[in-house]
Protein backbone atom coordinates (compact mmCIF):
# COMPACT_ATOMS: atom_id res chain seq x y z
CA UNK A 1 0.00 0.00 0.00
CA UNK A 2 1.09 3.57 -0.63
CA UNK A 3 0.29 5.15 2.72
CA UNK A 4 1.93 7.34 5.35
CA UNK A 5 0.63 5.02 8.08
CA UNK A 6 0.60 1.28 8.64
CA UNK A 7 -2.27 -0.54 6.98
CA UNK A 8 -3.80 -2.82 9.57
CA UNK A 9 -7.49 -2.78 8.72
CA UNK A 10 -10.03 -2.06 6.00
CA UNK A 11 -10.32 1.64 6.82
CA UNK A 12 -6.57 2.15 6.53
CA UNK A 13 -6.46 0.17 3.28
CA UNK A 14 -9.18 2.26 1.67
CA UNK A 15 -7.42 5.45 2.79
CA UNK A 16 -4.21 4.56 0.94
CA UNK A 17 -2.97 6.44 -2.13
CA UNK A 18 -4.42 4.42 -5.01
CA UNK A 19 -3.30 7.17 -7.41
CA UNK A 20 0.29 6.34 -6.48
CA UNK A 21 -0.35 2.64 -7.00
CA UNK A 22 -1.70 3.47 -10.47
CA UNK A 23 1.54 5.32 -11.31
CA UNK A 24 3.61 2.43 -9.90
CA UNK A 25 1.56 -0.16 -11.78
CA UNK A 26 1.89 1.68 -15.10
CA UNK A 27 5.63 2.25 -14.64
CA UNK A 28 6.15 -1.45 -13.90
CA UNK A 29 4.04 -2.41 -16.92
CA UNK A 30 6.11 -0.07 -19.10
CA UNK A 31 9.15 -2.07 -17.96
CA UNK A 32 7.58 -5.42 -18.78
CA UNK A 33 6.48 -6.41 -15.28
CA UNK A 34 2.79 -7.26 -15.06
CA UNK A 35 1.18 -6.76 -11.66
CA UNK A 36 -2.35 -7.04 -10.41
CA UNK A 37 -4.14 -3.91 -11.65
CA UNK A 38 -5.83 -3.18 -8.32
CA UNK A 39 -4.02 -1.78 -5.31
CA UNK A 40 -6.06 -4.19 -3.19
CA UNK A 41 -4.89 -7.46 -4.76
CA UNK A 42 -2.14 -9.66 -3.32
CA UNK A 43 1.12 -10.48 -5.07
CA UNK A 44 2.58 -13.98 -5.07
CA UNK A 45 5.94 -15.43 -6.00
CA UNK A 46 5.79 -18.98 -7.27
CA UNK A 47 8.21 -21.73 -8.15
CA UNK A 48 7.75 -20.68 -11.77
CA UNK A 49 9.65 -17.46 -10.98
CA UNK A 50 13.38 -17.78 -11.44
CA UNK A 51 16.06 -15.53 -9.97
CA UNK A 52 16.23 -13.60 -13.25
CA UNK A 53 12.50 -12.79 -12.95
CA UNK A 54 13.00 -11.48 -9.42
CA UNK A 55 16.04 -9.45 -10.48
CA UNK A 56 14.10 -7.94 -13.40
CA UNK A 57 11.24 -7.02 -11.08
CA UNK A 58 13.56 -5.38 -8.56
CA UNK A 59 15.33 -3.41 -11.29
CA UNK A 60 11.99 -2.14 -12.60
CA UNK A 61 10.74 -1.29 -9.11
CA UNK A 62 13.21 1.51 -8.35
CA UNK A 63 12.09 3.85 -11.17
CA UNK A 64 8.48 2.75 -10.63
CA UNK A 65 8.66 3.80 -6.97
CA UNK A 66 10.08 7.13 -8.13
CA UNK A 67 7.09 7.52 -10.47
CA UNK A 68 4.72 6.80 -7.60
CA UNK A 69 6.47 9.29 -5.33
CA UNK A 70 6.18 11.98 -7.99
CA UNK A 71 2.36 11.89 -7.82
CA UNK A 72 1.33 15.01 -5.92
PDB file of N, CA and C in Angstrom:
ATOM      1  N   UNK A   1       0.832  -1.183   0.000  1.00  0.00           N
ATOM      2  CA  UNK A   1       0.000   0.000   0.000  1.00  0.00           C
ATOM      3  C   UNK A   1       0.874   1.244   0.000  1.00  0.00           C
ATOM      4  N   UNK A   2       0.424   2.281  -0.675  1.00  0.00           N
ATOM      5  CA  UNK A   2       1.090   3.571  -0.626  1.00  0.00           C
ATOM      6  C   UNK A   2       0.351   4.404   0.406  1.00  0.00           C
ATOM      7  N   UNK A   3       0.940   4.494   1.601  1.00  0.00           N
ATOM      8  CA  UNK A   3       0.288   5.154   2.720  1.00  0.00           C
ATOM      9  C   UNK A   3       1.348   5.700   3.671  1.00  0.00           C
ATOM     10  N   UNK A   4       1.030   6.767   4.343  1.00  0.00           N
ATOM     11  CA  UNK A   4       1.933   7.336   5.345  1.00  0.00           C
ATOM     12  C   UNK A   4       1.854   6.580   6.666  1.00  0.00           C
ATOM     13  N   UNK A   5       0.819   5.767   6.831  1.00  0.00           N
ATOM     14  CA  UNK A   5       0.629   5.020   8.080  1.00  0.00           C
ATOM     15  C   UNK A   5       0.561   3.525   7.778  1.00  0.00           C
ATOM     16  N   UNK A   6       0.709   2.730   8.798  1.00  0.00           N
ATOM     17  CA  UNK A   6       0.599   1.281   8.644  1.00  0.00           C
ATOM     18  C   UNK A   6      -0.828   0.917   8.251  1.00  0.00           C
ATOM     19  N   UNK A   7      -0.945  -0.062   7.382  1.00  0.00           N
ATOM     20  CA  UNK A   7      -2.266  -0.537   6.976  1.00  0.00           C
ATOM     21  C   UNK A   7      -2.546  -1.816   7.764  1.00  0.00           C
ATOM     22  N   UNK A   8      -3.489  -1.697   8.692  1.00  0.00           N
ATOM     23  CA  UNK A   8      -3.805  -2.820   9.571  1.00  0.00           C
ATOM     24  C   UNK A   8      -5.268  -3.225   9.528  1.00  0.00           C
ATOM     25  N   UNK A   9      -6.076  -2.452   8.797  1.00  0.00           N
ATOM     26  CA  UNK A   9      -7.494  -2.780   8.724  1.00  0.00           C
ATOM     27  C   UNK A   9      -8.080  -2.206   7.429  1.00  0.00           C
ATOM     28  N   UNK A  10      -9.349  -2.487   7.228  1.00  0.00           N
ATOM     29  CA  UNK A  10     -10.026  -2.059   6.004  1.00  0.00           C
ATOM     30  C   UNK A  10     -10.013  -0.542   5.838  1.00  0.00           C
ATOM     31  N   UNK A  11     -10.271   0.173   6.912  1.00  0.00           N
ATOM     32  CA  UNK A  11     -10.318   1.637   6.823  1.00  0.00           C
ATOM     33  C   UNK A  11      -8.972   2.204   6.380  1.00  0.00           C
ATOM     34  N   UNK A  12      -7.903   1.681   6.916  1.00  0.00           N
ATOM     35  CA  UNK A  12      -6.568   2.153   6.534  1.00  0.00           C
ATOM     36  C   UNK A  12      -6.252   1.773   5.090  1.00  0.00           C
ATOM     37  N   UNK A  13      -6.698   0.602   4.663  1.00  0.00           N
ATOM     38  CA  UNK A  13      -6.461   0.169   3.280  1.00  0.00           C
ATOM     39  C   UNK A  13      -7.184   1.075   2.296  1.00  0.00           C
ATOM     40  N   UNK A  14      -8.414   1.420   2.596  1.00  0.00           N
ATOM     41  CA  UNK A  14      -9.181   2.255   1.671  1.00  0.00           C
ATOM     42  C   UNK A  14      -8.732   3.717   1.701  1.00  0.00           C
ATOM     43  N   UNK A  15      -7.936   4.094   2.706  1.00  0.00           N
ATOM     44  CA  UNK A  15      -7.419   5.452   2.792  1.00  0.00           C
ATOM     45  C   UNK A  15      -6.063   5.599   2.090  1.00  0.00           C
ATOM     46  N   UNK A  16      -5.527   4.503   1.568  1.00  0.00           N
ATOM     47  CA  UNK A  16      -4.209   4.557   0.937  1.00  0.00           C
ATOM     48  C   UNK A  16      -4.264   5.327  -0.382  1.00  0.00           C
ATOM     49  N   UNK A  17      -3.084   5.645  -0.917  1.00  0.00           N
ATOM     50  CA  UNK A  17      -2.967   6.442  -2.135  1.00  0.00           C
ATOM     51  C   UNK A  17      -3.055   5.534  -3.364  1.00  0.00           C
ATOM     52  N   UNK A  18      -4.252   5.255  -3.816  1.00  0.00           N
ATOM     53  CA  UNK A  18      -4.418   4.420  -5.006  1.00  0.00           C
ATOM     54  C   UNK A  18      -3.897   5.115  -6.259  1.00  0.00           C
ATOM     55  N   UNK A  19      -3.866   6.449  -6.262  1.00  0.00           N
ATOM     56  CA  UNK A  19      -3.298   7.167  -7.406  1.00  0.00           C
ATOM     57  C   UNK A  19      -1.805   6.873  -7.542  1.00  0.00           C
ATOM     58  N   UNK A  20      -1.128   6.698  -6.425  1.00  0.00           N
ATOM     59  CA  UNK A  20       0.287   6.339  -6.475  1.00  0.00           C
ATOM     60  C   UNK A  20       0.466   4.894  -6.930  1.00  0.00           C
ATOM     61  N   UNK A  21      -0.435   4.019  -6.511  1.00  0.00           N
ATOM     62  CA  UNK A  21      -0.350   2.638  -7.004  1.00  0.00           C
ATOM     63  C   UNK A  21      -0.551   2.616  -8.519  1.00  0.00           C
ATOM     64  N   UNK A  22      -1.466   3.412  -9.023  1.00  0.00           N
ATOM     65  CA  UNK A  22      -1.698   3.472 -10.469  1.00  0.00           C
ATOM     66  C   UNK A  22      -0.424   3.872 -11.204  1.00  0.00           C
ATOM     67  N   UNK A  23       0.275   4.889 -10.691  1.00  0.00           N
ATOM     68  CA  UNK A  23       1.536   5.319 -11.310  1.00  0.00           C
ATOM     69  C   UNK A  23       2.577   4.210 -11.231  1.00  0.00           C
ATOM     70  N   UNK A  24       2.664   3.541 -10.081  1.00  0.00           N
ATOM     71  CA  UNK A  24       3.608   2.434  -9.896  1.00  0.00           C
ATOM     72  C   UNK A  24       3.279   1.291 -10.854  1.00  0.00           C
ATOM     73  N   UNK A  25       2.010   0.917 -10.904  1.00  0.00           N
ATOM     74  CA  UNK A  25       1.560  -0.159 -11.783  1.00  0.00           C
ATOM     75  C   UNK A  25       1.926   0.130 -13.233  1.00  0.00           C
ATOM     76  N   UNK A  26       1.616   1.332 -13.707  1.00  0.00           N
ATOM     77  CA  UNK A  26       1.894   1.683 -15.105  1.00  0.00           C
ATOM     78  C   UNK A  26       3.389   1.726 -15.394  1.00  0.00           C
ATOM     79  N   UNK A  27       4.185   2.224 -14.445  1.00  0.00           N
ATOM     80  CA  UNK A  27       5.634   2.252 -14.639  1.00  0.00           C
ATOM     81  C   UNK A  27       6.204   0.836 -14.692  1.00  0.00           C
ATOM     82  N   UNK A  28       5.695  -0.054 -13.866  1.00  0.00           N
ATOM     83  CA  UNK A  28       6.152  -1.448 -13.904  1.00  0.00           C
ATOM     84  C   UNK A  28       5.741  -2.094 -15.226  1.00  0.00           C
ATOM     85  N   UNK A  29       4.522  -1.848 -15.656  1.00  0.00           N
ATOM     86  CA  UNK A  29       4.038  -2.406 -16.921  1.00  0.00           C
ATOM     87  C   UNK A  29       4.883  -1.905 -18.086  1.00  0.00           C
ATOM     88  N   UNK A  30       5.247  -0.634 -18.063  1.00  0.00           N
ATOM     89  CA  UNK A  30       6.108  -0.071 -19.104  1.00  0.00           C
ATOM     90  C   UNK A  30       7.460  -0.768 -19.166  1.00  0.00           C
ATOM     91  N   UNK A  31       7.868  -1.368 -18.041  1.00  0.00           N
ATOM     92  CA  UNK A  31       9.150  -2.068 -17.963  1.00  0.00           C
ATOM     93  C   UNK A  31       8.998  -3.575 -18.090  1.00  0.00           C
ATOM     94  N   UNK A  32       7.809  -4.014 -18.504  1.00  0.00           N
ATOM     95  CA  UNK A  32       7.585  -5.423 -18.782  1.00  0.00           C
ATOM     96  C   UNK A  32       7.199  -6.282 -17.595  1.00  0.00           C
ATOM     97  N   UNK A  33       6.877  -5.655 -16.465  1.00  0.00           N
ATOM     98  CA  UNK A  33       6.475  -6.406 -15.277  1.00  0.00           C
ATOM     99  C   UNK A  33       4.976  -6.223 -15.093  1.00  0.00           C
ATOM    100  N   UNK A  34       4.244  -7.318 -15.179  1.00  0.00           N
ATOM    101  CA  UNK A  34       2.790  -7.256 -15.058  1.00  0.00           C
ATOM    102  C   UNK A  34       2.370  -7.573 -13.629  1.00  0.00           C
ATOM    103  N   UNK A  35       1.683  -6.624 -13.026  1.00  0.00           N
ATOM    104  CA  UNK A  35       1.184  -6.762 -11.659  1.00  0.00           C
ATOM    105  C   UNK A  35      -0.336  -6.798 -11.677  1.00  0.00           C
ATOM    106  N   UNK A  36      -0.902  -7.134 -10.543  1.00  0.00           N
ATOM    107  CA  UNK A  36      -2.349  -7.044 -10.409  1.00  0.00           C
ATOM    108  C   UNK A  36      -2.755  -5.582 -10.580  1.00  0.00           C
ATOM    109  N   UNK A  37      -3.792  -5.293 -11.360  1.00  0.00           N
ATOM    110  CA  UNK A  37      -4.139  -3.906 -11.648  1.00  0.00           C
ATOM    111  C   UNK A  37      -4.765  -3.145 -10.480  1.00  0.00           C
ATOM    112  N   UNK A  38      -5.208  -3.840  -9.462  1.00  0.00           N
ATOM    113  CA  UNK A  38      -5.828  -3.176  -8.324  1.00  0.00           C
ATOM    114  C   UNK A  38      -4.839  -3.073  -7.166  1.00  0.00           C
ATOM    115  N   UNK A  39      -4.874  -1.965  -6.481  1.00  0.00           N
ATOM    116  CA  UNK A  39      -4.020  -1.778  -5.305  1.00  0.00           C
ATOM    117  C   UNK A  39      -4.410  -2.710  -4.164  1.00  0.00           C
ATOM    118  N   UNK A  40      -5.546  -3.360  -4.272  1.00  0.00           N
ATOM    119  CA  UNK A  40      -6.058  -4.191  -3.188  1.00  0.00           C
ATOM    120  C   UNK A  40      -5.890  -5.686  -3.436  1.00  0.00           C
ATOM    121  N   UNK A  41      -5.124  -6.051  -4.466  1.00  0.00           N
ATOM    122  CA  UNK A  41      -4.888  -7.464  -4.760  1.00  0.00           C
ATOM    123  C   UNK A  41      -3.522  -7.883  -4.228  1.00  0.00           C
ATOM    124  N   UNK A  42      -3.400  -9.135  -3.852  1.00  0.00           N
ATOM    125  CA  UNK A  42      -2.142  -9.664  -3.323  1.00  0.00           C
ATOM    126  C   UNK A  42      -1.189 -10.032  -4.449  1.00  0.00           C
ATOM    127  N   UNK A  43       0.087 -10.018  -4.139  1.00  0.00           N
ATOM    128  CA  UNK A  43       1.123 -10.477  -5.067  1.00  0.00           C
ATOM    129  C   UNK A  43       1.653 -11.804  -4.541  1.00  0.00           C
ATOM    130  N   UNK A  44       2.030 -12.680  -5.455  1.00  0.00           N
ATOM    131  CA  UNK A  44       2.577 -13.975  -5.072  1.00  0.00           C
ATOM    132  C   UNK A  44       3.802 -14.287  -5.903  1.00  0.00           C
ATOM    133  N   UNK A  45       4.793 -14.873  -5.292  1.00  0.00           N
ATOM    134  CA  UNK A  45       5.939 -15.432  -5.996  1.00  0.00           C
ATOM    135  C   UNK A  45       5.697 -16.926  -6.040  1.00  0.00           C
ATOM    136  N   UNK A  46       5.998 -17.545  -7.161  1.00  0.00           N
ATOM    137  CA  UNK A  46       5.787 -18.979  -7.268  1.00  0.00           C
ATOM    138  C   UNK A  46       7.072 -19.670  -7.695  1.00  0.00           C
ATOM    139  N   UNK A  47       7.038 -20.970  -7.717  1.00  0.00           N
ATOM    140  CA  UNK A  47       8.210 -21.730  -8.150  1.00  0.00           C
ATOM    141  C   UNK A  47       8.476 -21.551  -9.636  1.00  0.00           C
ATOM    142  N   UNK A  48       7.538 -20.964 -10.362  1.00  0.00           N
ATOM    143  CA  UNK A  48       7.753 -20.676 -11.775  1.00  0.00           C
ATOM    144  C   UNK A  48       8.656 -19.455 -11.960  1.00  0.00           C
ATOM    145  N   UNK A  49       8.783 -18.633 -10.914  1.00  0.00           N
ATOM    146  CA  UNK A  49       9.648 -17.457 -10.984  1.00  0.00           C
ATOM    147  C   UNK A  49      11.087 -17.873 -10.710  1.00  0.00           C
ATOM    148  N   UNK A  50      11.967 -17.494 -11.608  1.00  0.00           N
ATOM    149  CA  UNK A  50      13.381 -17.779 -11.439  1.00  0.00           C
ATOM    150  C   UNK A  50      14.074 -16.533 -10.902  1.00  0.00           C
ATOM    151  N   UNK A  51      15.321 -16.668 -10.510  1.00  0.00           N
ATOM    152  CA  UNK A  51      16.060 -15.530  -9.966  1.00  0.00           C
ATOM    153  C   UNK A  51      16.091 -14.366 -10.955  1.00  0.00           C
ATOM    154  N   UNK A  52      16.208 -14.663 -12.234  1.00  0.00           N
ATOM    155  CA  UNK A  52      16.230 -13.598 -13.249  1.00  0.00           C
ATOM    156  C   UNK A  52      14.920 -12.809 -13.254  1.00  0.00           C
ATOM    157  N   UNK A  53      13.791 -13.483 -13.020  1.00  0.00           N
ATOM    158  CA  UNK A  53      12.497 -12.795 -12.949  1.00  0.00           C
ATOM    159  C   UNK A  53      12.466 -11.841 -11.756  1.00  0.00           C
ATOM    160  N   UNK A  54      12.968 -12.309 -10.637  1.00  0.00           N
ATOM    161  CA  UNK A  54      12.995 -11.484  -9.425  1.00  0.00           C
ATOM    162  C   UNK A  54      13.927 -10.294  -9.627  1.00  0.00           C
ATOM    163  N   UNK A  55      15.092 -10.539 -10.218  1.00  0.00           N
ATOM    164  CA  UNK A  55      16.039  -9.451 -10.478  1.00  0.00           C
ATOM    165  C   UNK A  55      15.441  -8.406 -11.414  1.00  0.00           C
ATOM    166  N   UNK A  56      14.740  -8.851 -12.458  1.00  0.00           N
ATOM    167  CA  UNK A  56      14.097  -7.936 -13.399  1.00  0.00           C
ATOM    168  C   UNK A  56      13.032  -7.097 -12.702  1.00  0.00           C
ATOM    169  N   UNK A  57      12.277  -7.722 -11.826  1.00  0.00           N
ATOM    170  CA  UNK A  57      11.238  -7.017 -11.083  1.00  0.00           C
ATOM    171  C   UNK A  57      11.844  -5.973 -10.160  1.00  0.00           C
ATOM    172  N   UNK A  58      12.908  -6.330  -9.459  1.00  0.00           N
ATOM    173  CA  UNK A  58      13.557  -5.382  -8.560  1.00  0.00           C
ATOM    174  C   UNK A  58      14.169  -4.214  -9.322  1.00  0.00           C
ATOM    175  N   UNK A  59      14.752  -4.485 -10.479  1.00  0.00           N
ATOM    176  CA  UNK A  59      15.332  -3.411 -11.292  1.00  0.00           C
ATOM    177  C   UNK A  59      14.249  -2.455 -11.791  1.00  0.00           C
ATOM    178  N   UNK A  60      13.091  -2.972 -12.125  1.00  0.00           N
ATOM    179  CA  UNK A  60      11.988  -2.138 -12.597  1.00  0.00           C
ATOM    180  C   UNK A  60      11.349  -1.363 -11.452  1.00  0.00           C
ATOM    181  N   UNK A  61      11.429  -1.897 -10.244  1.00  0.00           N
ATOM    182  CA  UNK A  61      10.738  -1.286  -9.110  1.00  0.00           C
ATOM    183  C   UNK A  61      11.307   0.070  -8.718  1.00  0.00           C
ATOM    184  N   UNK A  62      12.620   0.242  -8.795  1.00  0.00           N
ATOM    185  CA  UNK A  62      13.206   1.511  -8.354  1.00  0.00           C
ATOM    186  C   UNK A  62      12.650   2.704  -9.126  1.00  0.00           C
ATOM    187  N   UNK A  63      12.691   2.700 -10.459  1.00  0.00           N
ATOM    188  CA  UNK A  63      12.090   3.846 -11.169  1.00  0.00           C
ATOM    189  C   UNK A  63      10.571   3.893 -11.022  1.00  0.00           C
ATOM    190  N   UNK A  64       9.931   2.756 -10.810  1.00  0.00           N
ATOM    191  CA  UNK A  64       8.483   2.745 -10.630  1.00  0.00           C
ATOM    192  C   UNK A  64       8.111   3.379  -9.286  1.00  0.00           C
ATOM    193  N   UNK A  65       8.902   3.125  -8.253  1.00  0.00           N
ATOM    194  CA  UNK A  65       8.660   3.796  -6.970  1.00  0.00           C
ATOM    195  C   UNK A  65       8.870   5.295  -7.100  1.00  0.00           C
ATOM    196  N   UNK A  66       9.851   5.698  -7.890  1.00  0.00           N
ATOM    197  CA  UNK A  66      10.075   7.125  -8.132  1.00  0.00           C
ATOM    198  C   UNK A  66       8.877   7.756  -8.824  1.00  0.00           C
ATOM    199  N   UNK A  67       8.299   7.030  -9.776  1.00  0.00           N
ATOM    200  CA  UNK A  67       7.095   7.520 -10.468  1.00  0.00           C
ATOM    201  C   UNK A  67       5.935   7.670  -9.501  1.00  0.00           C
ATOM    202  N   UNK A  68       5.793   6.724  -8.594  1.00  0.00           N
ATOM    203  CA  UNK A  68       4.722   6.801  -7.601  1.00  0.00           C
ATOM    204  C   UNK A  68       4.933   7.969  -6.661  1.00  0.00           C
ATOM    205  N   UNK A  69       6.169   8.190  -6.251  1.00  0.00           N
ATOM    206  CA  UNK A  69       6.469   9.292  -5.325  1.00  0.00           C
ATOM    207  C   UNK A  69       6.258  10.650  -5.968  1.00  0.00           C
ATOM    208  N   UNK A  70       6.348  10.714  -7.279  1.00  0.00           N
ATOM    209  CA  UNK A  70       6.179  11.978  -7.994  1.00  0.00           C
ATOM    210  C   UNK A  70       4.726  12.427  -8.092  1.00  0.00           C
ATOM    211  N   UNK A  71       3.788  11.539  -7.772  1.00  0.00           N
ATOM    212  CA  UNK A  71       2.365  11.892  -7.824  1.00  0.00           C
ATOM    213  C   UNK A  71       2.078  12.834  -6.652  1.00  0.00           C
ATOM    214  N   UNK A  72       1.559  13.987  -6.955  1.00  0.00           N
ATOM    215  CA  UNK A  72       1.325  15.011  -5.919  1.00  0.00           C
ATOM    216  C   UNK A  72       0.221  14.614  -4.971  1.00  0.00           C
TER     217      UNK A  72
END
